[in-house]
N, C-alpha and C. Protein backbone atom coordinates (compact mmCIF):
# COMPACT_ATOMS: atom_id res chain seq x y z
N MET A 1 116.26 129.03 35.63
CA MET A 1 116.91 129.80 36.68
C MET A 1 117.00 131.27 36.28
N TYR A 2 116.74 132.18 37.24
CA TYR A 2 116.74 133.61 36.95
C TYR A 2 118.16 134.09 36.65
N LYS A 3 118.28 134.90 35.62
CA LYS A 3 119.54 135.56 35.28
C LYS A 3 119.26 137.03 35.04
N GLU A 4 120.09 137.86 35.62
CA GLU A 4 119.91 139.31 35.47
C GLU A 4 120.09 139.71 34.01
N LYS A 5 119.15 140.51 33.52
CA LYS A 5 119.20 140.98 32.14
C LYS A 5 118.92 142.47 32.10
N ALA A 6 119.25 143.11 30.99
CA ALA A 6 118.88 144.50 30.79
C ALA A 6 117.36 144.62 30.83
N ILE A 7 116.87 145.71 31.39
CA ILE A 7 115.44 145.85 31.65
C ILE A 7 114.61 145.68 30.38
N LEU A 8 114.95 146.43 29.32
CA LEU A 8 114.16 146.37 28.10
C LEU A 8 114.26 145.00 27.43
N MET A 9 115.44 144.39 27.47
CA MET A 9 115.61 143.06 26.89
C MET A 9 114.77 142.03 27.64
N ASP A 10 114.73 142.15 28.97
CA ASP A 10 113.95 141.21 29.77
C ASP A 10 112.46 141.38 29.51
N ILE A 11 112.00 142.63 29.44
CA ILE A 11 110.58 142.88 29.16
C ILE A 11 110.18 142.32 27.81
N LYS A 12 111.04 142.52 26.80
CA LYS A 12 110.75 142.00 25.46
C LYS A 12 110.65 140.48 25.48
N LYS A 13 111.57 139.83 26.18
CA LYS A 13 111.55 138.36 26.25
C LYS A 13 110.32 137.87 26.99
N ARG A 14 109.98 138.54 28.10
CA ARG A 14 108.81 138.10 28.87
C ARG A 14 107.52 138.31 28.10
N ILE A 15 107.44 139.34 27.29
CA ILE A 15 106.25 139.55 26.46
C ILE A 15 106.10 138.41 25.47
N GLN A 16 107.21 137.99 24.87
CA GLN A 16 107.17 136.91 23.89
C GLN A 16 106.82 135.57 24.52
N THR A 17 107.33 135.31 25.73
CA THR A 17 107.16 133.99 26.34
C THR A 17 105.96 133.89 27.28
N ILE A 18 105.43 135.03 27.76
CA ILE A 18 104.32 134.99 28.72
C ILE A 18 103.09 135.71 28.18
N VAL A 19 103.25 136.97 27.77
CA VAL A 19 102.09 137.79 27.41
C VAL A 19 101.43 137.31 26.12
N VAL A 20 102.23 137.05 25.10
CA VAL A 20 101.66 136.62 23.81
C VAL A 20 100.91 135.28 23.95
N PRO A 21 101.51 134.25 24.58
CA PRO A 21 100.73 133.01 24.79
C PRO A 21 99.49 133.23 25.66
N TYR A 22 99.60 134.09 26.67
CA TYR A 22 98.46 134.38 27.54
C TYR A 22 97.30 134.97 26.76
N LEU A 23 97.57 135.99 25.96
CA LEU A 23 96.51 136.64 25.21
C LEU A 23 95.95 135.73 24.12
N SER A 24 96.82 134.96 23.47
CA SER A 24 96.36 134.07 22.39
C SER A 24 95.46 132.97 22.94
N PHE A 25 95.93 132.28 23.97
CA PHE A 25 95.14 131.20 24.56
C PHE A 25 93.88 131.76 25.23
N GLY A 26 94.03 132.90 25.92
CA GLY A 26 92.88 133.50 26.59
C GLY A 26 91.79 133.91 25.63
N LEU A 27 92.17 134.44 24.48
CA LEU A 27 91.16 134.84 23.48
C LEU A 27 90.43 133.62 22.92
N LEU A 28 91.16 132.54 22.68
CA LEU A 28 90.52 131.32 22.20
C LEU A 28 89.53 130.77 23.23
N VAL A 29 89.96 130.75 24.50
CA VAL A 29 89.08 130.25 25.56
C VAL A 29 87.85 131.15 25.71
N LEU A 30 88.05 132.47 25.59
CA LEU A 30 86.94 133.40 25.71
C LEU A 30 85.92 133.19 24.60
N LEU A 31 86.38 132.97 23.37
CA LEU A 31 85.46 132.72 22.26
C LEU A 31 84.70 131.41 22.46
N TYR A 32 85.41 130.40 22.93
CA TYR A 32 84.74 129.13 23.22
C TYR A 32 83.68 129.30 24.30
N TRP A 33 84.03 130.06 25.35
CA TRP A 33 83.10 130.32 26.45
C TRP A 33 81.87 131.08 25.96
N GLN A 34 82.11 132.09 25.13
CA GLN A 34 81.04 132.96 24.70
C GLN A 34 80.04 132.23 23.81
N PHE A 35 80.52 131.41 22.89
CA PHE A 35 79.64 130.83 21.88
C PHE A 35 79.21 129.40 22.18
N ILE A 36 79.88 128.73 23.11
CA ILE A 36 79.54 127.32 23.37
C ILE A 36 79.22 127.08 24.85
N GLU A 37 80.23 127.19 25.70
CA GLU A 37 80.06 126.75 27.09
C GLU A 37 79.10 127.63 27.87
N ARG A 38 79.01 128.89 27.52
CA ARG A 38 78.15 129.79 28.27
C ARG A 38 76.69 129.40 28.18
N ARG A 39 76.33 128.66 27.17
CA ARG A 39 74.94 128.21 27.01
C ARG A 39 74.55 127.23 28.12
N PHE A 40 75.54 126.56 28.70
CA PHE A 40 75.25 125.55 29.72
C PHE A 40 75.57 126.03 31.13
N ARG A 41 75.99 127.27 31.30
CA ARG A 41 76.37 127.78 32.62
C ARG A 41 75.69 129.12 32.87
N ASP A 42 75.46 129.41 34.13
CA ASP A 42 74.90 130.70 34.52
C ASP A 42 76.03 131.71 34.68
N SER A 43 75.92 132.85 34.02
CA SER A 43 76.96 133.87 34.10
C SER A 43 76.34 135.24 33.91
N ASN A 44 76.76 136.18 34.74
CA ASN A 44 76.29 137.57 34.63
C ASN A 44 77.28 138.45 33.90
N ARG A 45 78.41 137.88 33.50
CA ARG A 45 79.44 138.65 32.83
C ARG A 45 79.15 138.75 31.33
N SER A 46 79.21 139.98 30.82
CA SER A 46 79.03 140.17 29.38
C SER A 46 80.36 139.88 28.66
N PHE A 47 80.28 139.81 27.35
CA PHE A 47 81.49 139.55 26.56
C PHE A 47 82.50 140.68 26.74
N THR A 48 82.02 141.91 26.79
CA THR A 48 82.94 143.05 26.94
C THR A 48 83.61 143.04 28.32
N ASP A 49 82.87 142.63 29.37
CA ASP A 49 83.46 142.51 30.70
C ASP A 49 84.56 141.46 30.70
N SER A 50 84.29 140.33 30.06
CA SER A 50 85.28 139.26 30.00
C SER A 50 86.49 139.68 29.18
N LEU A 51 86.24 140.39 28.09
CA LEU A 51 87.35 140.88 27.25
C LEU A 51 88.21 141.87 28.03
N PHE A 52 87.56 142.74 28.81
CA PHE A 52 88.30 143.66 29.68
C PHE A 52 89.14 142.88 30.69
N GLY A 53 88.56 141.81 31.24
CA GLY A 53 89.30 141.00 32.19
C GLY A 53 90.52 140.36 31.56
N LEU A 54 90.41 139.94 30.31
CA LEU A 54 91.54 139.33 29.63
C LEU A 54 92.69 140.31 29.46
N PHE A 55 92.37 141.54 29.02
CA PHE A 55 93.44 142.51 28.77
C PHE A 55 93.91 143.22 30.03
N SER A 56 93.08 143.24 31.05
CA SER A 56 93.48 143.89 32.30
C SER A 56 94.06 142.91 33.31
N GLY A 57 93.77 141.61 33.12
CA GLY A 57 94.24 140.61 34.07
C GLY A 57 93.52 140.64 35.40
N CYS A 58 92.36 141.33 35.45
CA CYS A 58 91.61 141.42 36.71
C CYS A 58 90.93 140.09 37.02
N TYR A 59 91.17 139.61 38.21
CA TYR A 59 90.68 138.29 38.63
C TYR A 59 89.16 138.18 38.53
N ASP A 60 88.46 139.21 38.95
CA ASP A 60 87.00 139.16 39.01
C ASP A 60 86.34 139.10 37.63
N ASN A 61 87.07 139.49 36.59
CA ASN A 61 86.51 139.49 35.25
C ASN A 61 86.94 138.29 34.42
N LEU A 62 87.69 137.38 35.03
CA LEU A 62 88.17 136.21 34.29
C LEU A 62 87.31 134.98 34.57
N GLU A 63 86.03 135.18 34.64
CA GLU A 63 85.12 134.09 34.95
C GLU A 63 85.19 132.96 33.92
N PHE A 64 85.50 133.30 32.67
CA PHE A 64 85.54 132.28 31.62
C PHE A 64 86.70 131.32 31.80
N ASN A 65 87.75 131.73 32.49
CA ASN A 65 88.86 130.84 32.87
C ASN A 65 89.69 131.56 33.93
N VAL A 66 89.26 131.41 35.17
CA VAL A 66 89.83 132.20 36.26
C VAL A 66 91.30 131.89 36.49
N HIS A 67 91.76 130.71 36.06
CA HIS A 67 93.16 130.33 36.29
C HIS A 67 94.13 131.17 35.47
N LEU A 68 93.64 131.90 34.49
CA LEU A 68 94.53 132.74 33.68
C LEU A 68 95.13 133.90 34.46
N TRP A 69 94.61 134.20 35.67
CA TRP A 69 95.14 135.31 36.45
C TRP A 69 96.63 135.15 36.71
N PHE A 70 97.10 133.91 36.75
CA PHE A 70 98.48 133.66 37.13
C PHE A 70 99.48 134.25 36.15
N LEU A 71 99.19 134.19 34.85
CA LEU A 71 100.18 134.60 33.85
C LEU A 71 100.48 136.10 33.88
N PRO A 72 99.50 137.00 33.87
CA PRO A 72 99.85 138.42 33.99
C PRO A 72 100.52 138.75 35.32
N CYS A 73 100.08 138.08 36.39
CA CYS A 73 100.71 138.29 37.70
C CYS A 73 102.17 137.83 37.67
N PHE A 74 102.43 136.69 37.05
CA PHE A 74 103.80 136.18 36.95
C PHE A 74 104.66 137.11 36.09
N PHE A 75 104.09 137.63 35.01
CA PHE A 75 104.83 138.57 34.15
C PHE A 75 105.29 139.79 34.95
N VAL A 76 104.37 140.39 35.68
CA VAL A 76 104.72 141.58 36.47
C VAL A 76 105.73 141.23 37.55
N THR A 77 105.60 140.05 38.16
CA THR A 77 106.51 139.64 39.23
C THR A 77 107.94 139.52 38.75
N VAL A 78 108.15 138.78 37.66
CA VAL A 78 109.52 138.55 37.19
C VAL A 78 110.14 139.83 36.62
N VAL A 79 109.31 140.63 35.94
CA VAL A 79 109.84 141.89 35.38
C VAL A 79 110.20 142.85 36.51
N LEU A 80 109.35 142.95 37.53
CA LEU A 80 109.61 143.87 38.63
C LEU A 80 110.86 143.48 39.41
N LEU A 81 111.05 142.19 39.66
CA LEU A 81 112.25 141.77 40.38
C LEU A 81 113.50 142.09 39.58
N ASN A 82 113.46 141.88 38.28
CA ASN A 82 114.62 142.19 37.44
C ASN A 82 114.89 143.69 37.42
N ILE A 83 113.84 144.51 37.42
CA ILE A 83 114.02 145.96 37.46
C ILE A 83 114.70 146.37 38.76
N MET A 84 114.25 145.80 39.89
CA MET A 84 114.85 146.14 41.18
C MET A 84 116.30 145.70 41.25
N VAL A 85 116.61 144.53 40.67
CA VAL A 85 118.00 144.07 40.66
C VAL A 85 118.87 144.99 39.83
N ASN A 86 118.36 145.49 38.71
CA ASN A 86 119.13 146.39 37.85
C ASN A 86 119.33 147.76 38.50
N LEU A 87 118.29 148.28 39.15
CA LEU A 87 118.38 149.61 39.72
C LEU A 87 119.16 149.63 41.03
N CYS A 88 119.10 148.55 41.79
CA CYS A 88 119.79 148.49 43.09
C CYS A 88 120.84 147.39 43.03
N ASN A 89 120.66 146.38 43.82
CA ASN A 89 121.45 145.16 43.76
C ASN A 89 120.59 144.02 44.26
N ARG A 90 121.11 142.83 44.20
CA ARG A 90 120.29 141.66 44.55
C ARG A 90 119.85 141.68 46.00
N ARG A 91 120.73 142.06 46.89
CA ARG A 91 120.38 142.04 48.31
C ARG A 91 119.21 142.98 48.60
N ILE A 92 119.29 144.20 48.07
CA ILE A 92 118.21 145.16 48.29
C ILE A 92 116.93 144.69 47.61
N ALA A 93 117.06 144.08 46.42
CA ALA A 93 115.89 143.57 45.71
C ALA A 93 115.21 142.47 46.51
N TYR A 94 115.99 141.59 47.12
CA TYR A 94 115.41 140.51 47.93
C TYR A 94 114.71 141.08 49.17
N LEU A 95 115.34 142.04 49.82
CA LEU A 95 114.74 142.66 51.00
C LEU A 95 113.45 143.39 50.64
N ALA A 96 113.48 144.11 49.52
CA ALA A 96 112.27 144.82 49.08
C ALA A 96 111.15 143.85 48.74
N SER A 97 111.50 142.71 48.14
CA SER A 97 110.49 141.70 47.81
C SER A 97 109.86 141.13 49.08
N ALA A 98 110.70 140.84 50.07
CA ALA A 98 110.18 140.32 51.34
C ALA A 98 109.29 141.36 52.02
N LEU A 99 109.68 142.63 51.95
CA LEU A 99 108.88 143.70 52.54
C LEU A 99 107.52 143.81 51.85
N MET A 100 107.50 143.64 50.55
CA MET A 100 106.24 143.71 49.81
C MET A 100 105.29 142.59 50.25
N SER A 101 105.83 141.39 50.45
CA SER A 101 104.99 140.29 50.92
C SER A 101 104.48 140.55 52.33
N CYS A 102 105.29 141.17 53.16
CA CYS A 102 104.85 141.52 54.52
C CYS A 102 103.75 142.57 54.47
N ILE A 103 103.86 143.52 53.56
CA ILE A 103 102.82 144.54 53.40
C ILE A 103 101.51 143.90 53.01
N TYR A 104 101.58 142.88 52.13
CA TYR A 104 100.35 142.19 51.72
C TYR A 104 99.67 141.53 52.92
N ILE A 105 100.47 140.99 53.84
CA ILE A 105 99.90 140.32 55.01
C ILE A 105 99.21 141.32 55.93
N MET A 106 99.83 142.51 56.10
CA MET A 106 99.35 143.46 57.10
C MET A 106 98.29 144.41 56.58
N LEU A 107 98.31 144.72 55.28
CA LEU A 107 97.40 145.73 54.76
C LEU A 107 96.56 145.17 53.62
N PRO A 108 95.28 145.50 53.58
CA PRO A 108 94.44 145.08 52.45
C PRO A 108 94.79 145.89 51.21
N ILE A 109 94.90 145.20 50.08
CA ILE A 109 95.25 145.86 48.83
C ILE A 109 94.12 145.62 47.84
N PRO A 110 93.56 146.66 47.25
CA PRO A 110 92.44 146.47 46.30
C PRO A 110 92.91 145.80 45.02
N GLU A 111 91.96 145.33 44.25
CA GLU A 111 92.26 144.68 42.98
C GLU A 111 92.86 145.69 42.01
N LEU A 112 94.01 145.35 41.44
CA LEU A 112 94.73 146.23 40.53
C LEU A 112 94.93 145.54 39.18
N LEU A 113 95.26 146.35 38.17
CA LEU A 113 95.47 145.82 36.84
C LEU A 113 96.63 144.84 36.82
N TRP A 114 96.47 143.81 36.02
CA TRP A 114 97.48 142.77 35.83
C TRP A 114 97.91 142.11 37.14
N GLY A 115 96.97 142.03 38.05
CA GLY A 115 97.22 141.34 39.31
C GLY A 115 98.35 141.92 40.13
N PHE A 116 98.55 143.25 40.03
CA PHE A 116 99.67 143.85 40.75
C PHE A 116 99.49 143.71 42.26
N ASN A 117 98.25 143.65 42.72
CA ASN A 117 98.03 143.43 44.15
C ASN A 117 98.52 142.05 44.58
N ARG A 118 98.40 141.06 43.71
CA ARG A 118 98.89 139.72 44.03
C ARG A 118 100.40 139.61 43.87
N VAL A 119 100.99 140.53 43.12
CA VAL A 119 102.45 140.56 43.02
C VAL A 119 103.05 140.79 44.40
N PHE A 120 102.42 141.63 45.21
CA PHE A 120 102.88 141.85 46.57
C PHE A 120 102.90 140.54 47.36
N LYS A 121 101.95 139.68 47.07
CA LYS A 121 101.84 138.42 47.79
C LYS A 121 102.94 137.44 47.39
N TYR A 122 103.26 137.37 46.11
CA TYR A 122 104.10 136.29 45.61
C TYR A 122 105.55 136.67 45.33
N ILE A 123 105.86 137.94 45.22
CA ILE A 123 107.21 138.31 44.81
C ILE A 123 108.25 137.90 45.85
N GLY A 124 107.87 137.90 47.13
CA GLY A 124 108.79 137.45 48.16
C GLY A 124 109.17 135.99 47.99
N PHE A 125 108.19 135.15 47.62
CA PHE A 125 108.46 133.74 47.41
C PHE A 125 109.30 133.53 46.15
N TYR A 126 109.02 134.32 45.12
CA TYR A 126 109.82 134.22 43.89
C TYR A 126 111.26 134.61 44.16
N ALA A 127 111.46 135.68 44.91
CA ALA A 127 112.81 136.10 45.25
C ALA A 127 113.53 135.05 46.09
N ALA A 128 112.79 134.43 47.02
CA ALA A 128 113.39 133.37 47.84
C ALA A 128 113.81 132.19 46.97
N GLY A 129 112.99 131.85 45.98
CA GLY A 129 113.35 130.78 45.07
C GLY A 129 114.58 131.11 44.24
N VAL A 130 114.66 132.36 43.78
CA VAL A 130 115.84 132.79 43.03
C VAL A 130 117.09 132.71 43.91
N LEU A 131 116.95 133.14 45.15
CA LEU A 131 118.09 133.12 46.08
C LEU A 131 118.56 131.69 46.34
N LEU A 132 117.63 130.78 46.61
CA LEU A 132 118.00 129.39 46.88
C LEU A 132 118.58 128.71 45.65
N ALA A 133 118.03 129.03 44.48
CA ALA A 133 118.56 128.46 43.25
C ALA A 133 119.99 128.94 43.00
N GLY A 134 120.27 130.20 43.36
CA GLY A 134 121.62 130.72 43.21
C GLY A 134 122.61 130.08 44.16
N MET A 135 122.13 129.68 45.33
CA MET A 135 123.00 129.01 46.30
C MET A 135 123.38 127.61 45.83
N GLY A 136 122.50 126.98 45.07
CA GLY A 136 122.78 125.64 44.58
C GLY A 136 122.17 124.59 45.50
N VAL A 137 121.46 123.64 44.91
CA VAL A 137 120.80 122.60 45.69
C VAL A 137 121.81 121.71 46.40
N SER A 138 122.96 121.48 45.76
CA SER A 138 123.96 120.59 46.37
C SER A 138 124.48 121.15 47.67
N VAL A 139 124.59 122.50 47.78
CA VAL A 139 125.07 123.11 49.01
C VAL A 139 124.07 122.87 50.14
N ILE A 140 122.79 123.00 49.83
CA ILE A 140 121.76 122.78 50.84
C ILE A 140 121.77 121.33 51.31
N LYS A 141 121.89 120.41 50.37
CA LYS A 141 121.91 119.00 50.73
C LYS A 141 123.11 118.66 51.60
N LYS A 142 124.25 119.22 51.28
CA LYS A 142 125.48 118.88 51.99
C LYS A 142 125.50 119.43 53.39
N GLU A 143 125.08 120.67 53.56
CA GLU A 143 125.23 121.34 54.85
C GLU A 143 124.07 121.08 55.80
N LEU A 144 122.85 120.97 55.28
CA LEU A 144 121.69 120.86 56.14
C LEU A 144 121.05 119.47 56.13
N GLY A 145 121.11 118.80 55.00
CA GLY A 145 120.46 117.51 54.89
C GLY A 145 119.07 117.65 54.32
N VAL A 146 118.67 116.70 53.51
CA VAL A 146 117.38 116.75 52.84
C VAL A 146 116.24 116.74 53.84
N GLU A 147 116.37 115.93 54.90
CA GLU A 147 115.29 115.80 55.87
C GLU A 147 115.02 117.12 56.58
N ILE A 148 116.08 117.81 56.99
CA ILE A 148 115.91 119.08 57.71
C ILE A 148 115.28 120.12 56.81
N VAL A 149 115.73 120.15 55.56
CA VAL A 149 115.17 121.12 54.60
C VAL A 149 113.69 120.84 54.39
N ALA A 150 113.34 119.56 54.23
CA ALA A 150 111.93 119.20 54.00
C ALA A 150 111.06 119.59 55.19
N ILE A 151 111.54 119.29 56.40
CA ILE A 151 110.78 119.64 57.60
C ILE A 151 110.63 121.16 57.73
N GLY A 152 111.71 121.88 57.44
CA GLY A 152 111.65 123.34 57.51
C GLY A 152 110.67 123.93 56.52
N LEU A 153 110.65 123.39 55.30
CA LEU A 153 109.72 123.89 54.29
C LEU A 153 108.27 123.57 54.65
N LEU A 154 108.04 122.39 55.21
CA LEU A 154 106.68 122.05 55.64
C LEU A 154 106.22 122.97 56.76
N ALA A 155 107.11 123.25 57.71
CA ALA A 155 106.75 124.14 58.81
C ALA A 155 106.48 125.55 58.29
N LEU A 156 107.32 126.02 57.36
CA LEU A 156 107.11 127.35 56.77
C LEU A 156 105.81 127.40 56.01
N ASN A 157 105.53 126.34 55.26
CA ASN A 157 104.29 126.29 54.48
C ASN A 157 103.07 126.35 55.39
N TYR A 158 103.12 125.62 56.50
CA TYR A 158 101.99 125.63 57.42
C TYR A 158 101.82 127.00 58.06
N PHE A 159 102.93 127.64 58.44
CA PHE A 159 102.85 128.97 59.04
C PHE A 159 102.26 129.97 58.06
N LEU A 160 102.67 129.90 56.80
CA LEU A 160 102.17 130.83 55.80
C LEU A 160 100.70 130.58 55.47
N SER A 161 100.27 129.32 55.61
CA SER A 161 98.87 129.03 55.32
C SER A 161 97.94 129.69 56.33
N ILE A 162 98.46 129.99 57.52
CA ILE A 162 97.64 130.68 58.52
C ILE A 162 97.21 132.05 57.99
N TYR A 163 98.08 132.67 57.19
CA TYR A 163 97.77 133.98 56.62
C TYR A 163 97.23 133.85 55.19
N ASN A 164 96.79 132.63 54.84
CA ASN A 164 96.20 132.37 53.52
C ASN A 164 97.17 132.66 52.38
N LEU A 165 98.46 132.42 52.61
CA LEU A 165 99.45 132.64 51.57
C LEU A 165 99.72 131.37 50.77
N THR A 166 99.17 130.25 51.19
CA THR A 166 99.30 129.02 50.42
C THR A 166 97.93 128.38 50.22
N ALA A 167 96.89 129.19 50.26
CA ALA A 167 95.50 128.72 50.13
C ALA A 167 95.15 127.69 51.18
N ALA A 168 95.84 127.76 52.33
CA ALA A 168 95.57 126.89 53.49
C ALA A 168 95.71 125.41 53.14
N LEU A 169 96.54 125.09 52.14
CA LEU A 169 96.67 123.71 51.71
C LEU A 169 97.17 122.81 52.82
N TRP A 170 98.30 123.21 53.42
CA TRP A 170 98.91 122.33 54.42
C TRP A 170 98.11 122.32 55.71
N SER A 171 97.42 123.40 56.05
CA SER A 171 96.60 123.38 57.26
C SER A 171 95.48 122.37 57.13
N ASN A 172 94.92 122.26 55.91
CA ASN A 172 93.86 121.27 55.70
C ASN A 172 94.41 119.85 55.76
N ILE A 173 95.58 119.65 55.15
CA ILE A 173 96.18 118.31 55.15
C ILE A 173 96.49 117.88 56.58
N ILE A 174 97.11 118.77 57.36
CA ILE A 174 97.46 118.43 58.73
C ILE A 174 96.22 118.22 59.58
N ALA A 175 95.21 119.08 59.39
CA ALA A 175 93.98 118.93 60.17
C ALA A 175 93.30 117.60 59.87
N TYR A 176 93.26 117.21 58.60
CA TYR A 176 92.62 115.96 58.24
C TYR A 176 93.45 114.76 58.69
N SER A 177 94.79 114.91 58.68
CA SER A 177 95.62 113.79 59.13
C SER A 177 95.53 113.61 60.64
N LEU A 178 95.34 114.70 61.39
CA LEU A 178 95.22 114.58 62.83
C LEU A 178 93.82 114.15 63.25
N HIS A 179 92.82 114.52 62.46
CA HIS A 179 91.44 114.20 62.82
C HIS A 179 90.74 113.54 61.64
N PRO A 180 91.19 112.38 61.18
CA PRO A 180 90.58 111.77 59.99
C PRO A 180 89.13 111.39 60.20
N TRP A 181 88.80 110.87 61.42
CA TRP A 181 87.43 110.44 61.64
C TRP A 181 86.49 111.63 61.73
N THR A 182 87.04 112.77 62.17
CA THR A 182 86.20 113.97 62.23
C THR A 182 85.79 114.41 60.84
N SER A 183 86.74 114.41 59.91
CA SER A 183 86.42 114.84 58.55
C SER A 183 85.47 113.87 57.88
N ILE A 184 85.66 112.55 58.09
CA ILE A 184 84.76 111.57 57.50
C ILE A 184 83.37 111.69 58.11
N SER A 185 83.34 111.88 59.42
CA SER A 185 82.05 112.02 60.10
C SER A 185 81.29 113.23 59.61
N ASN A 186 82.00 114.36 59.45
CA ASN A 186 81.35 115.57 58.95
C ASN A 186 80.81 115.37 57.55
N TYR A 187 81.59 114.67 56.74
CA TYR A 187 81.13 114.42 55.36
C TYR A 187 79.84 113.59 55.36
N GLY A 188 79.84 112.50 56.13
CA GLY A 188 78.66 111.65 56.17
C GLY A 188 77.46 112.36 56.76
N GLU A 189 77.69 113.14 57.82
CA GLU A 189 76.60 113.87 58.46
C GLU A 189 75.99 114.89 57.51
N ASN A 190 76.84 115.60 56.76
CA ASN A 190 76.33 116.61 55.81
C ASN A 190 75.52 115.95 54.70
N ARG A 191 76.01 114.81 54.20
CA ARG A 191 75.26 114.12 53.15
C ARG A 191 73.88 113.71 53.64
N ILE A 192 73.79 113.18 54.84
CA ILE A 192 72.52 112.70 55.38
C ILE A 192 71.59 113.87 55.70
N ASN A 193 72.13 114.94 56.27
CA ASN A 193 71.30 116.10 56.62
C ASN A 193 70.64 116.69 55.38
N CYS A 194 71.43 116.86 54.31
CA CYS A 194 70.89 117.44 53.08
C CYS A 194 69.78 116.56 52.50
N ALA A 195 70.03 115.25 52.50
CA ALA A 195 69.02 114.34 51.95
C ALA A 195 67.77 114.33 52.81
N ALA A 196 67.95 114.40 54.14
CA ALA A 196 66.81 114.39 55.05
C ALA A 196 65.95 115.64 54.85
N GLN A 197 66.57 116.76 54.62
CA GLN A 197 65.82 117.99 54.41
C GLN A 197 65.03 117.94 53.10
N ARG A 198 65.63 117.32 52.08
CA ARG A 198 64.93 117.24 50.80
C ARG A 198 63.74 116.29 50.87
N ASN A 199 63.92 115.19 51.57
CA ASN A 199 62.88 114.16 51.60
C ASN A 199 62.02 114.20 52.86
N ARG A 200 62.40 115.02 53.85
CA ARG A 200 61.65 115.17 55.10
C ARG A 200 61.41 113.82 55.78
N CYS A 201 62.49 113.07 55.91
CA CYS A 201 62.40 111.80 56.62
C CYS A 201 63.60 111.66 57.52
N SER A 202 63.65 110.60 58.32
CA SER A 202 64.74 110.44 59.28
C SER A 202 66.04 110.12 58.57
N LYS A 203 67.14 110.37 59.27
CA LYS A 203 68.45 110.15 58.68
C LYS A 203 68.69 108.67 58.36
N ARG A 204 68.34 107.80 59.32
CA ARG A 204 68.68 106.39 59.15
C ARG A 204 67.86 105.72 58.05
N GLU A 205 66.78 106.36 57.59
CA GLU A 205 65.99 105.80 56.51
C GLU A 205 66.58 106.12 55.15
N LEU A 206 67.64 106.95 55.13
CA LEU A 206 68.17 107.42 53.87
C LEU A 206 69.45 106.71 53.46
N PHE A 207 69.93 105.74 54.24
CA PHE A 207 71.17 105.07 53.90
C PHE A 207 71.01 104.28 52.60
N THR A 208 71.92 104.51 51.69
CA THR A 208 71.98 103.74 50.46
C THR A 208 73.28 102.97 50.44
N CYS A 209 73.54 102.27 49.35
CA CYS A 209 74.73 101.43 49.29
C CYS A 209 76.01 102.23 49.48
N ASP A 210 76.10 103.40 48.85
CA ASP A 210 77.34 104.16 48.92
C ASP A 210 77.40 105.04 50.15
N ASP A 211 76.30 105.20 50.87
CA ASP A 211 76.29 106.08 52.02
C ASP A 211 76.20 105.35 53.35
N ASP A 212 76.09 104.01 53.32
CA ASP A 212 75.88 103.28 54.56
C ASP A 212 76.97 103.55 55.58
N CYS A 213 78.23 103.38 55.15
CA CYS A 213 79.35 103.52 56.08
C CYS A 213 79.49 104.96 56.55
N LEU A 214 79.57 105.91 55.58
CA LEU A 214 79.76 107.31 55.94
C LEU A 214 78.55 107.85 56.70
N GLY A 215 77.37 107.41 56.31
CA GLY A 215 76.17 107.88 57.01
C GLY A 215 76.13 107.37 58.44
N TYR A 216 76.54 106.12 58.62
CA TYR A 216 76.54 105.58 59.98
C TYR A 216 77.52 106.34 60.86
N ILE A 217 78.72 106.57 60.32
CA ILE A 217 79.72 107.32 61.09
C ILE A 217 79.23 108.72 61.39
N GLY A 218 78.55 109.35 60.41
CA GLY A 218 78.07 110.69 60.59
C GLY A 218 76.98 110.80 61.64
N CYS A 219 76.25 109.74 61.86
CA CYS A 219 75.16 109.79 62.83
C CYS A 219 75.55 109.31 64.20
N LEU A 220 76.82 108.91 64.40
CA LEU A 220 77.25 108.47 65.72
C LEU A 220 77.23 109.61 66.71
């Protein structure tokens, strides 16, 4: 749970708990990528480009392990929120965080060092989590009920996915749940089309044991 701390003390703690593990693990993964895994994969990134990506946190340069983008972005997010809380107050910090997320939705932001452009995207959600955690889960359960909270969060998640703020996770789940046969049919049709193009024969001649059902549905 977030607790307000002195700015320099918080930065020091976050460096120890986020930045040092990020750089240590990232360097090990980069060395493994450079000397072992890169032999089996196609990559246009040089070692110096990847090393720059590690220290800059730039998403486009983290090809050796793209998931590492989260840690520098998280570091900047938590430090920035704590700075705003120290300089202003919690209410203004929460409003500013929400405004930053709105700016991300409305305006394109170029790639910045340490994922600062993505901080605009996520800091509003982090602030909302801090706010709800401060209210206490028991209060939410007592006054609103678990079911209402769950439905509200699902609706919010779906709305945010429209703007690609949740990687469209829930929109895909809902679309597939509403149209399951459509997704299965598309899958089977795509499998058969690709095979037909490779072998230049009819679709129905390509059914195999694992494709019979999906292929049949796809050709309906």
